[in-house]
Structure formats: structure tokens, C-alpha cells
């Protein structure tokens, strides 16, 4: 009996959360602040191009390296660039969510 009551309470709670959310954005309605497919594709392609550029720079650096120290510097440079890239993307996501 307790199981049934707990399940019913959970179902009622779930409905209480999902129904108002559905009412705010019924199926088929475009949510506010969402990017179009073309905008999203452009952003993704830009991100891919940036990663390709970074990889090409890393490859050139490694190819030109003469010592272990040179290789270490290449690695540090790449790590720094990747960290900056991730932070930029994180900031963009924060700005997008804030809209």
C-alpha cells in the first residue's frame, strides 16, 4: 500500500513539473533564444576549423622540434590554446543560456 502511495505522489509531482513546462512551450513552438539550424551549423563548422588550425600548428611545431625541450614547448603551447578555446566556448554557452 505504501508503495502505491509513493508511486502516486511521484507521478503527481512529475506531472506538476512537466505540465507547466509543456504549457510554456507546446510541441512545435520554437523556444525563445534557440539558434536556427543554419546558425548552429556555422558555429559548429567554425569550431571544427579552429581545431584543425590548432592541430596543424601543433603538427608544424612537432615537425620542427629538434630536442625534447622543443617538444615540451609545443605541448605546453597546445595545452594553453585548448584551455583558452574551452573557456571561450564555456563563456559563449553562458551568454547563450542567459538570453
PDB file of N, CA and C in Angstrom:
ATOM      1  N   UNK A   1       0.818  -1.184   0.000  1.00  0.00           N
ATOM      2  CA  UNK A   1       0.000   0.000   0.000  1.00  0.00           C
ATOM      3  C   UNK A   1       0.871   1.261   0.000  1.00  0.00           C
ATOM      4  N   UNK A   2       1.923   1.245   0.833  1.00  0.00           N
ATOM      5  CA  UNK A   2       2.807   2.400   0.884  1.00  0.00           C
ATOM      6  C   UNK A   2       3.484   2.631  -0.472  1.00  0.00           C
ATOM      7  N   UNK A   3       3.814   1.515  -1.149  1.00  0.00           N
ATOM      8  CA  UNK A   3       4.450   1.621  -2.460  1.00  0.00           C
ATOM      9  C   UNK A   3       3.554   2.351  -3.440  1.00  0.00           C
ATOM     10  N   UNK A   4       2.283   2.024  -3.443  1.00  0.00           N
ATOM     11  CA  UNK A   4       1.329   2.638  -4.357  1.00  0.00           C
ATOM     12  C   UNK A   4       1.212   4.134  -4.066  1.00  0.00           C
ATOM     13  N   UNK A   5       1.144   4.486  -2.804  1.00  0.00           N
ATOM     14  CA  UNK A   5       1.037   5.898  -2.426  1.00  0.00           C
ATOM     15  C   UNK A   5       2.287   6.649  -2.859  1.00  0.00           C
ATOM     16  N   UNK A   6       3.446   6.069  -2.634  1.00  0.00           N
ATOM     17  CA  UNK A   6       4.703   6.711  -3.037  1.00  0.00           C
ATOM     18  C   UNK A   6       4.744   6.888  -4.551  1.00  0.00           C
ATOM     19  N   UNK A   7       4.324   5.881  -5.293  1.00  0.00           N
ATOM     20  CA  UNK A   7       4.319   5.965  -6.752  1.00  0.00           C
ATOM     21  C   UNK A   7       3.348   7.047  -7.214  1.00  0.00           C
ATOM     22  N   UNK A   8       2.152   7.081  -6.617  1.00  0.00           N
ATOM     23  CA  UNK A   8       1.176   8.111  -6.987  1.00  0.00           C
ATOM     24  C   UNK A   8       1.697   9.516  -6.694  1.00  0.00           C
ATOM     25  N   UNK A   9       2.324   9.700  -5.566  1.00  0.00           N
ATOM     26  CA  UNK A   9       2.893  11.004  -5.223  1.00  0.00           C
ATOM     27  C   UNK A   9       3.976  11.382  -6.228  1.00  0.00           C
ATOM     28  N   UNK A  10       4.811  10.421  -6.604  1.00  0.00           N
ATOM     29  CA  UNK A  10       5.867  10.686  -7.589  1.00  0.00           C
ATOM     30  C   UNK A  10       5.268  11.060  -8.940  1.00  0.00           C
ATOM     31  N   UNK A  11       4.225  10.353  -9.350  1.00  0.00           N
ATOM     32  CA  UNK A  11       3.570  10.653 -10.634  1.00  0.00           C
ATOM     33  C   UNK A  11       2.938  12.037 -10.593  1.00  0.00           C
ATOM     34  N   UNK A  12       2.268  12.356  -9.521  1.00  0.00           N
ATOM     35  CA  UNK A  12       1.636  13.671  -9.388  1.00  0.00           C
ATOM     36  C   UNK A  12       2.698  14.768  -9.402  1.00  0.00           C
ATOM     37  N   UNK A  13       3.789  14.533  -8.706  1.00  0.00           N
ATOM     38  CA  UNK A  13       4.880  15.507  -8.698  1.00  0.00           C
ATOM     39  C   UNK A  13       5.453  15.687 -10.103  1.00  0.00           C
ATOM     40  N   UNK A  14       5.681  14.574 -10.790  1.00  0.00           N
ATOM     41  CA  UNK A  14       6.234  14.649 -12.144  1.00  0.00           C
ATOM     42  C   UNK A  14       5.298  15.402 -13.073  1.00  0.00           C
ATOM     43  N   UNK A  15       4.013  15.146 -12.954  1.00  0.00           N
ATOM     44  CA  UNK A  15       3.045  15.854 -13.788  1.00  0.00           C
ATOM     45  C   UNK A  15       3.012  17.330 -13.427  1.00  0.00           C
ATOM     46  N   UNK A  16       3.143  17.625 -12.166  1.00  0.00           N
ATOM     47  CA  UNK A  16       3.151  19.014 -11.719  1.00  0.00           C
ATOM     48  C   UNK A  16       4.335  19.785 -12.263  1.00  0.00           C
ATOM     49  N   UNK A  17       5.424  19.093 -12.535  1.00  0.00           N
ATOM     50  CA  UNK A  17       6.617  19.737 -13.081  1.00  0.00           C
ATOM     51  C   UNK A  17       6.546  19.811 -14.607  1.00  0.00           C
ATOM     52  N   UNK A  18       6.096  18.736 -15.256  1.00  0.00           N
ATOM     53  CA  UNK A  18       6.141  18.686 -16.718  1.00  0.00           C
ATOM     54  C   UNK A  18       4.998  19.439 -17.385  1.00  0.00           C
ATOM     55  N   UNK A  19       3.831  19.428 -16.808  1.00  0.00           N
ATOM     56  CA  UNK A  19       2.693  20.095 -17.448  1.00  0.00           C
ATOM     57  C   UNK A  19       2.920  21.599 -17.575  1.00  0.00           C
ATOM     58  N   UNK A  20       3.356  22.303 -16.520  1.00  0.00           N
ATOM     59  CA  UNK A  20       3.616  23.738 -16.707  1.00  0.00           C
ATOM     60  C   UNK A  20       4.733  23.997 -17.731  1.00  0.00           C
ATOM     61  N   UNK A  21       5.732  23.132 -17.771  1.00  0.00           N
ATOM     62  CA  UNK A  21       6.814  23.294 -18.744  1.00  0.00           C
ATOM     63  C   UNK A  21       6.271  23.110 -20.154  1.00  0.00           C
ATOM     64  N   UNK A  22       5.386  22.155 -20.336  1.00  0.00           N
ATOM     65  CA  UNK A  22       4.781  21.913 -21.644  1.00  0.00           C
ATOM     66  C   UNK A  22       3.881  23.087 -22.025  1.00  0.00           C
ATOM     67  N   UNK A  23       3.184  23.640 -21.074  1.00  0.00           N
ATOM     68  CA  UNK A  23       2.296  24.771 -21.345  1.00  0.00           C
ATOM     69  C   UNK A  23       3.085  25.992 -21.802  1.00  0.00           C
ATOM     70  N   UNK A  24       4.286  26.173 -21.272  1.00  0.00           N
ATOM     71  CA  UNK A  24       5.129  27.296 -21.680  1.00  0.00           C
ATOM     72  C   UNK A  24       5.648  27.126 -23.092  1.00  0.00           C
ATOM     73  N   UNK A  25       5.908  25.890 -23.494  1.00  0.00           N
ATOM     74  CA  UNK A  25       6.473  25.630 -24.813  1.00  0.00           C
ATOM     75  C   UNK A  25       5.832  24.383 -25.414  1.00  0.00           C
ATOM     76  N   UNK A  26       4.632  24.518 -25.980  1.00  0.00           N
ATOM     77  CA  UNK A  26       3.995  23.338 -26.560  1.00  0.00           C
ATOM     78  C   UNK A  26       4.789  22.801 -27.739  1.00  0.00           C
ATOM     79  N   UNK A  27       4.574  21.534 -28.061  1.00  0.00           N
ATOM     80  CA  UNK A  27       5.310  20.891 -29.155  1.00  0.00           C
ATOM     81  C   UNK A  27       5.131  21.694 -30.432  1.00  0.00           C
ATOM     82  N   UNK A  28       6.211  21.848 -31.155  1.00  0.00           N
ATOM     83  CA  UNK A  28       6.173  22.575 -32.413  1.00  0.00           C
ATOM     84  C   UNK A  28       6.504  24.043 -32.262  1.00  0.00           C
ATOM     85  N   UNK A  29       6.392  24.594 -31.078  1.00  0.00           N
ATOM     86  CA  UNK A  29       6.728  26.000 -30.885  1.00  0.00           C
ATOM     87  C   UNK A  29       8.232  26.135 -30.757  1.00  0.00           C
ATOM     88  N   UNK A  30       8.771  27.145 -31.394  1.00  0.00           N
ATOM     89  CA  UNK A  30      10.218  27.361 -31.324  1.00  0.00           C
ATOM     90  C   UNK A  30      10.547  28.080 -30.017  1.00  0.00           C
ATOM     91  N   UNK A  31      11.376  27.473 -29.164  1.00  0.00           N
ATOM     92  CA  UNK A  31      11.744  28.118 -27.903  1.00  0.00           C
ATOM     93  C   UNK A  31      12.496  29.422 -28.151  1.00  0.00           C
ATOM     94  N   UNK A  32      12.288  30.365 -27.270  1.00  0.00           N
ATOM     95  CA  UNK A  32      12.979  31.651 -27.395  1.00  0.00           C
ATOM     96  C   UNK A  32      14.483  31.450 -27.234  1.00  0.00           C
ATOM     97  N   UNK A  33      15.230  32.178 -28.009  1.00  0.00           N
ATOM     98  CA  UNK A  33      16.685  32.133 -27.885  1.00  0.00           C
ATOM     99  C   UNK A  33      17.346  30.957 -28.575  1.00  0.00           C
ATOM    100  N   UNK A  34      16.580  30.089 -29.208  1.00  0.00           N
ATOM    101  CA  UNK A  34      17.179  28.939 -29.897  1.00  0.00           C
ATOM    102  C   UNK A  34      17.753  29.402 -31.228  1.00  0.00           C
ATOM    103  N   UNK A  35      18.875  28.808 -31.596  1.00  0.00           N
ATOM    104  CA  UNK A  35      19.529  29.142 -32.854  1.00  0.00           C
ATOM    105  C   UNK A  35      18.912  28.327 -33.984  1.00  0.00           C
ATOM    106  N   UNK A  36      18.907  28.917 -35.175  1.00  0.00           N
ATOM    107  CA  UNK A  36      18.427  28.168 -36.333  1.00  0.00           C
ATOM    108  C   UNK A  36      19.459  27.107 -36.685  1.00  0.00           C
ATOM    109  N   UNK A  37      19.055  26.161 -37.510  1.00  0.00           N
ATOM    110  CA  UNK A  37      19.959  25.084 -37.918  1.00  0.00           C
ATOM    111  C   UNK A  37      21.155  25.672 -38.663  1.00  0.00           C
ATOM    112  N   UNK A  38      20.908  26.651 -39.516  1.00  0.00           N
ATOM    113  CA  UNK A  38      21.998  27.255 -40.281  1.00  0.00           C
ATOM    114  C   UNK A  38      22.995  27.959 -39.363  1.00  0.00           C
ATOM    115  N   UNK A  39      22.488  28.678 -38.357  1.00  0.00           N
ATOM    116  CA  UNK A  39      23.376  29.341 -37.396  1.00  0.00           C
ATOM    117  C   UNK A  39      24.206  28.318 -36.630  1.00  0.00           C
ATOM    118  N   UNK A  40      23.547  27.237 -36.208  1.00  0.00           N
ATOM    119  CA  UNK A  40      24.243  26.194 -35.446  1.00  0.00           C
ATOM    120  C   UNK A  40      25.301  25.522 -36.315  1.00  0.00           C
ATOM    121  N   UNK A  41      24.961  25.238 -37.581  1.00  0.00           N
ATOM    122  CA  UNK A  41      25.935  24.622 -38.488  1.00  0.00           C
ATOM    123  C   UNK A  41      27.144  25.534 -38.655  1.00  0.00           C
ATOM    124  N   UNK A  42      26.899  26.827 -38.826  1.00  0.00           N
ATOM    125  CA  UNK A  42      28.006  27.774 -38.968  1.00  0.00           C
ATOM    126  C   UNK A  42      28.904  27.784 -37.750  1.00  0.00           C
ATOM    127  N   UNK A  43      28.292  27.738 -36.587  1.00  0.00           N
ATOM    128  CA  UNK A  43      29.064  27.745 -35.345  1.00  0.00           C
ATOM    129  C   UNK A  43      29.893  26.462 -35.208  1.00  0.00           C
ATOM    130  N   UNK A  44      29.295  25.332 -35.545  1.00  0.00           N
ATOM    131  CA  UNK A  44      29.994  24.049 -35.446  1.00  0.00           C
ATOM    132  C   UNK A  44      31.153  24.002 -36.435  1.00  0.00           C
ATOM    133  N   UNK A  45      30.916  24.442 -37.670  1.00  0.00           N
ATOM    134  CA  UNK A  45      31.974  24.444 -38.685  1.00  0.00           C
ATOM    135  C   UNK A  45      33.114  25.366 -38.266  1.00  0.00           C
ATOM    136  N   UNK A  46      32.769  26.511 -37.693  1.00  0.00           N
ATOM    137  CA  UNK A  46      33.795  27.429 -37.198  1.00  0.00           C
ATOM    138  C   UNK A  46      34.639  26.763 -36.111  1.00  0.00           C
ATOM    139  N   UNK A  47      33.988  26.029 -35.227  1.00  0.00           N
ATOM    140  CA  UNK A  47      34.687  25.321 -34.155  1.00  0.00           C
ATOM    141  C   UNK A  47      35.617  24.255 -34.732  1.00  0.00           C
ATOM    142  N   UNK A  48      35.135  23.518 -35.714  1.00  0.00           N
ATOM    143  CA  UNK A  48      35.956  22.482 -36.353  1.00  0.00           C
ATOM    144  C   UNK A  48      37.163  23.107 -37.034  1.00  0.00           C
ATOM    145  N   UNK A  49      36.942  24.207 -37.751  1.00  0.00           N
ATOM    146  CA  UNK A  49      38.049  24.898 -38.421  1.00  0.00           C
ATOM    147  C   UNK A  49      39.107  25.362 -37.423  1.00  0.00           C
ATOM    148  N   UNK A  50      38.649  25.846 -36.275  1.00  0.00           N
ATOM    149  CA  UNK A  50      39.580  26.296 -35.237  1.00  0.00           C
ATOM    150  C   UNK A  50      40.412  25.125 -34.715  1.00  0.00           C
ATOM    151  N   UNK A  51      39.777  23.976 -34.515  1.00  0.00           N
ATOM    152  CA  UNK A  51      40.518  22.803 -34.043  1.00  0.00           C
ATOM    153  C   UNK A  51      41.507  22.314 -35.091  1.00  0.00           C
ATOM    154  N   UNK A  52      41.100  22.342 -36.367  1.00  0.00           N
ATOM    155  CA  UNK A  52      42.010  21.934 -37.445  1.00  0.00           C
ATOM    156  C   UNK A  52      43.227  22.853 -37.467  1.00  0.00           C
ATOM    157  N   UNK A  53      42.990  24.145 -37.339  1.00  0.00           N
ATOM    158  CA  UNK A  53      44.096  25.116 -37.331  1.00  0.00           C
ATOM    159  C   UNK A  53      45.061  24.813 -36.181  1.00  0.00           C
ATOM    160  N   UNK A  54      44.513  24.539 -35.011  1.00  0.00           N
ATOM    161  CA  UNK A  54      45.348  24.228 -33.846  1.00  0.00           C
ATOM    162  C   UNK A  54      46.156  22.957 -34.080  1.00  0.00           C
ATOM    163  N   UNK A  55      45.525  21.947 -34.647  1.00  0.00           N
ATOM    164  CA  UNK A  55      46.235  20.692 -34.924  1.00  0.00           C
ATOM    165  C   UNK A  55      47.339  20.891 -35.965  1.00  0.00           C
ATOM    166  N   UNK A  56      47.083  21.709 -36.976  1.00  0.00           N
ATOM    167  CA  UNK A  56      48.106  21.974 -37.984  1.00  0.00           C
ATOM    168  C   UNK A  56      49.298  22.709 -37.373  1.00  0.00           C
ATOM    169  N   UNK A  57      48.999  23.665 -36.492  1.00  0.00           N
ATOM    170  CA  UNK A  57      50.081  24.377 -35.810  1.00  0.00           C
ATOM    171  C   UNK A  57      50.887  23.436 -34.925  1.00  0.00           C
ATOM    172  N   UNK A  58      50.192  22.533 -34.237  1.00  0.00           N
ATOM    173  CA  UNK A  58      50.874  21.558 -33.388  1.00  0.00           C
ATOM    174  C   UNK A  58      51.753  20.636 -34.242  1.00  0.00           C
ATOM    175  N   UNK A  59      51.239  20.194 -35.369  1.00  0.00           N
ATOM    176  CA  UNK A  59      51.998  19.320 -36.251  1.00  0.00           C
ATOM    177  C   UNK A  59      53.261  20.025 -36.753  1.00  0.00           C
ATOM    178  N   UNK A  60      53.124  21.292 -37.150  1.00  0.00           N
ATOM    179  CA  UNK A  60      54.282  22.049 -37.627  1.00  0.00           C
ATOM    180  C   UNK A  60      55.316  22.221 -36.521  1.00  0.00           C
ATOM    181  N   UNK A  61      54.832  22.489 -35.315  1.00  0.00           N
ATOM    182  CA  UNK A  61      55.738  22.667 -34.180  1.00  0.00           C
ATOM    183  C   UNK A  61      56.494  21.375 -33.891  1.00  0.00           C
ATOM    184  N   UNK A  62      55.779  20.250 -33.862  1.00  0.00           N
ATOM    185  CA  UNK A  62      56.407  18.959 -33.575  1.00  0.00           C
ATOM    186  C   UNK A  62      57.391  18.591 -34.692  1.00  0.00           C
ATOM    187  N   UNK A  63      57.025  18.859 -35.928  1.00  0.00           N
ATOM    188  CA  UNK A  63      57.913  18.550 -37.055  1.00  0.00           C
ATOM    189  C   UNK A  63      59.206  19.351 -36.985  1.00  0.00           C
ATOM    190  N   UNK A  64      59.095  20.588 -36.514  1.00  0.00           N
ATOM    191  CA  UNK A  64      60.273  21.456 -36.446  1.00  0.00           C
ATOM    192  C   UNK A  64      61.110  21.225 -35.184  1.00  0.00           C
ATOM    193  N   UNK A  65      60.594  20.496 -34.227  1.00  0.00           N
ATOM    194  CA  UNK A  65      61.293  20.289 -32.953  1.00  0.00           C
ATOM    195  C   UNK A  65      62.593  19.499 -33.173  1.00  0.00           C
ATOM    196  N   UNK A  66      63.629  19.936 -32.463  1.00  0.00           N
ATOM    197  CA  UNK A  66      64.926  19.279 -32.551  1.00  0.00           C
ATOM    198  C   UNK A  66      65.305  18.580 -31.253  1.00  0.00           C
ATOM    199  N   UNK A  67      64.698  19.023 -30.160  1.00  0.00           N
ATOM    200  CA  UNK A  67      65.042  18.456 -28.848  1.00  0.00           C
ATOM    201  C   UNK A  67      63.768  18.112 -28.067  1.00  0.00           C
ATOM    202  N   UNK A  68      63.980  17.411 -26.976  1.00  0.00           N
ATOM    203  CA  UNK A  68      62.853  17.105 -26.101  1.00  0.00           C
ATOM    204  C   UNK A  68      62.261  18.386 -25.535  1.00  0.00           C
ATOM    205  N   UNK A  69      63.105  19.356 -25.276  1.00  0.00           N
ATOM    206  CA  UNK A  69      62.644  20.654 -24.769  1.00  0.00           C
ATOM    207  C   UNK A  69      61.720  21.324 -25.784  1.00  0.00           C
ATOM    208  N   UNK A  70      62.065  21.246 -27.059  1.00  0.00           N
ATOM    209  CA  UNK A  70      61.215  21.807 -28.111  1.00  0.00           C
ATOM    210  C   UNK A  70      59.851  21.122 -28.130  1.00  0.00           C
ATOM    211  N   UNK A  71      59.855  19.799 -27.992  1.00  0.00           N
ATOM    212  CA  UNK A  71      58.597  19.059 -27.969  1.00  0.00           C
ATOM    213  C   UNK A  71      57.739  19.453 -26.762  1.00  0.00           C
ATOM    214  N   UNK A  72      58.392  19.653 -25.628  1.00  0.00           N
ATOM    215  CA  UNK A  72      57.679  20.064 -24.420  1.00  0.00           C
ATOM    216  C   UNK A  72      57.035  21.432 -24.625  1.00  0.00           C
ATOM    217  N   UNK A  73      57.761  22.336 -25.276  1.00  0.00           N
ATOM    218  CA  UNK A  73      57.210  23.669 -25.537  1.00  0.00           C
ATOM    219  C   UNK A  73      56.004  23.593 -26.474  1.00  0.00           C
ATOM    220  N   UNK A  74      56.085  22.708 -27.457  1.00  0.00           N
ATOM    221  CA  UNK A  74      54.938  22.513 -28.358  1.00  0.00           C
ATOM    222  C   UNK A  74      53.721  22.071 -27.560  1.00  0.00           C
ATOM    223  N   UNK A  75      53.935  21.099 -26.707  1.00  0.00           N
ATOM    224  CA  UNK A  75      52.836  20.552 -25.910  1.00  0.00           C
ATOM    225  C   UNK A  75      52.229  21.605 -24.994  1.00  0.00           C
ATOM    226  N   UNK A  76      53.087  22.401 -24.351  1.00  0.00           N
ATOM    227  CA  UNK A  76      52.588  23.449 -23.458  1.00  0.00           C
ATOM    228  C   UNK A  76      51.786  24.485 -24.230  1.00  0.00           C
ATOM    229  N   UNK A  77      52.259  24.830 -25.402  1.00  0.00           N
ATOM    230  CA  UNK A  77      51.568  25.799 -26.236  1.00  0.00           C
ATOM    231  C   UNK A  77      50.183  25.290 -26.630  1.00  0.00           C
ATOM    232  N   UNK A  78      50.114  24.031 -27.024  1.00  0.00           N
ATOM    233  CA  UNK A  78      48.840  23.438 -27.436  1.00  0.00           C
ATOM    234  C   UNK A  78      47.880  23.366 -26.247  1.00  0.00           C
ATOM    235  N   UNK A  79      48.387  22.967 -25.101  1.00  0.00           N
ATOM    236  CA  UNK A  79      47.538  22.881 -23.915  1.00  0.00           C
ATOM    237  C   UNK A  79      46.955  24.253 -23.585  1.00  0.00           C
ATOM    238  N   UNK A  80      47.779  25.281 -23.685  1.00  0.00           N
ATOM    239  CA  UNK A  80      47.326  26.647 -23.393  1.00  0.00           C
ATOM    240  C   UNK A  80      46.232  27.054 -24.386  1.00  0.00           C
ATOM    241  N   UNK A  81      46.434  26.796 -25.666  1.00  0.00           N
ATOM    242  CA  UNK A  81      45.444  27.153 -26.686  1.00  0.00           C
ATOM    243  C   UNK A  81      44.134  26.411 -26.462  1.00  0.00           C
ATOM    244  N   UNK A  82      44.215  25.132 -26.148  1.00  0.00           N
ATOM    245  CA  UNK A  82      42.998  24.341 -25.922  1.00  0.00           C
ATOM    246  C   UNK A  82      42.234  24.847 -24.705  1.00  0.00           C
ATOM    247  N   UNK A  83      42.966  25.202 -23.671  1.00  0.00           N
ATOM    248  CA  UNK A  83      42.318  25.715 -22.468  1.00  0.00           C
ATOM    249  C   UNK A  83      41.596  27.027 -22.779  1.00  0.00           C
ATOM    250  N   UNK A  84      42.259  27.913 -23.522  1.00  0.00           N
ATOM    251  CA  UNK A  84      41.636  29.179 -23.893  1.00  0.00           C
ATOM    252  C   UNK A  84      40.393  28.930 -24.752  1.00  0.00           C
ATOM    253  N   UNK A  85      40.496  27.984 -25.678  1.00  0.00           N
ATOM    254  CA  UNK A  85      39.373  27.657 -26.559  1.00  0.00           C
ATOM    255  C   UNK A  85      38.183  27.149 -25.747  1.00  0.00           C
ATOM    256  N   UNK A  86      38.453  26.251 -24.795  1.00  0.00           N
ATOM    257  CA  UNK A  86      37.380  25.714 -23.954  1.00  0.00           C
ATOM    258  C   UNK A  86      36.722  26.822 -23.131  1.00  0.00           C
ATOM    259  N   UNK A  87      37.537  27.726 -22.601  1.00  0.00           N
ATOM    260  CA  UNK A  87      36.998  28.810 -21.788  1.00  0.00           C
ATOM    261  C   UNK A  87      36.134  29.745 -22.635  1.00  0.00           C
ATOM    262  N   UNK A  88      36.553  30.008 -23.882  1.00  0.00           N
ATOM    263  CA  UNK A  88      35.753  30.846 -24.775  1.00  0.00           C
ATOM    264  C   UNK A  88      34.407  30.185 -25.039  1.00  0.00           C
ATOM    265  N   UNK A  89      34.428  28.898 -25.322  1.00  0.00           N
ATOM    266  CA  UNK A  89      33.178  28.177 -25.598  1.00  0.00           C
ATOM    267  C   UNK A  89      32.284  28.151 -24.362  1.00  0.00           C
ATOM    268  N   UNK A  90      32.887  27.981 -23.198  1.00  0.00           N
ATOM    269  CA  UNK A  90      32.117  27.957 -21.960  1.00  0.00           C
ATOM    270  C   UNK A  90      31.427  29.310 -21.756  1.00  0.00           C
ATOM    271  N   UNK A  91      32.145  30.385 -22.025  1.00  0.00           N
ATOM    272  CA  UNK A  91      31.593  31.732 -21.887  1.00  0.00           C
ATOM    273  C   UNK A  91      30.456  31.948 -22.890  1.00  0.00           C
ATOM    274  N   UNK A  92      30.633  31.469 -24.118  1.00  0.00           N
ATOM    275  CA  UNK A  92      29.580  31.591 -25.123  1.00  0.00           C
ATOM    276  C   UNK A  92      28.322  30.846 -24.685  1.00  0.00           C
ATOM    277  N   UNK A  93      28.504  29.663 -24.107  1.00  0.00           N
ATOM    278  CA  UNK A  93      27.344  28.902 -23.637  1.00  0.00           C
ATOM    279  C   UNK A  93      26.629  29.639 -22.506  1.00  0.00           C
ATOM    280  N   UNK A  94      27.407  30.241 -21.609  1.00  0.00           N
ATOM    281  CA  UNK A  94      26.802  31.010 -20.506  1.00  0.00           C
ATOM    282  C   UNK A  94      25.989  32.178 -21.056  1.00  0.00           C
ATOM    283  N   UNK A  95      26.576  32.882 -22.048  1.00  0.00           N
ATOM    284  CA  UNK A  95      25.867  34.031 -22.637  1.00  0.00           C
ATOM    285  C   UNK A  95      24.609  33.557 -23.340  1.00  0.00           C
ATOM    286  N   UNK A  96      24.683  32.426 -24.013  1.00  0.00           N
ATOM    287  CA  UNK A  96      23.527  31.917 -24.750  1.00  0.00           C
ATOM    288  C   UNK A  96      22.415  31.502 -23.791  1.00  0.00           C
ATOM    289  N   UNK A  97      22.788  30.897 -22.675  1.00  0.00           N
ATOM    290  CA  UNK A  97      21.781  30.477 -21.690  1.00  0.00           C
ATOM    291  C   UNK A  97      21.126  31.676 -21.032  1.00  0.00           C
ATOM    292  N   UNK A  98      21.862  32.761 -20.898  1.00  0.00           N
ATOM    293  CA  UNK A  98      21.340  33.953 -20.243  1.00  0.00           C
ATOM    294  C   UNK A  98      20.299  34.688 -21.070  1.00  0.00           C
ATOM    295  N   UNK A  99      20.203  34.392 -22.350  1.00  0.00           N
ATOM    296  CA  UNK A  99      19.244  35.086 -23.229  1.00  0.00           C
ATOM    297  C   UNK A  99      17.835  34.671 -22.953  1.00  0.00           C
TER     298      UNK A  99
END
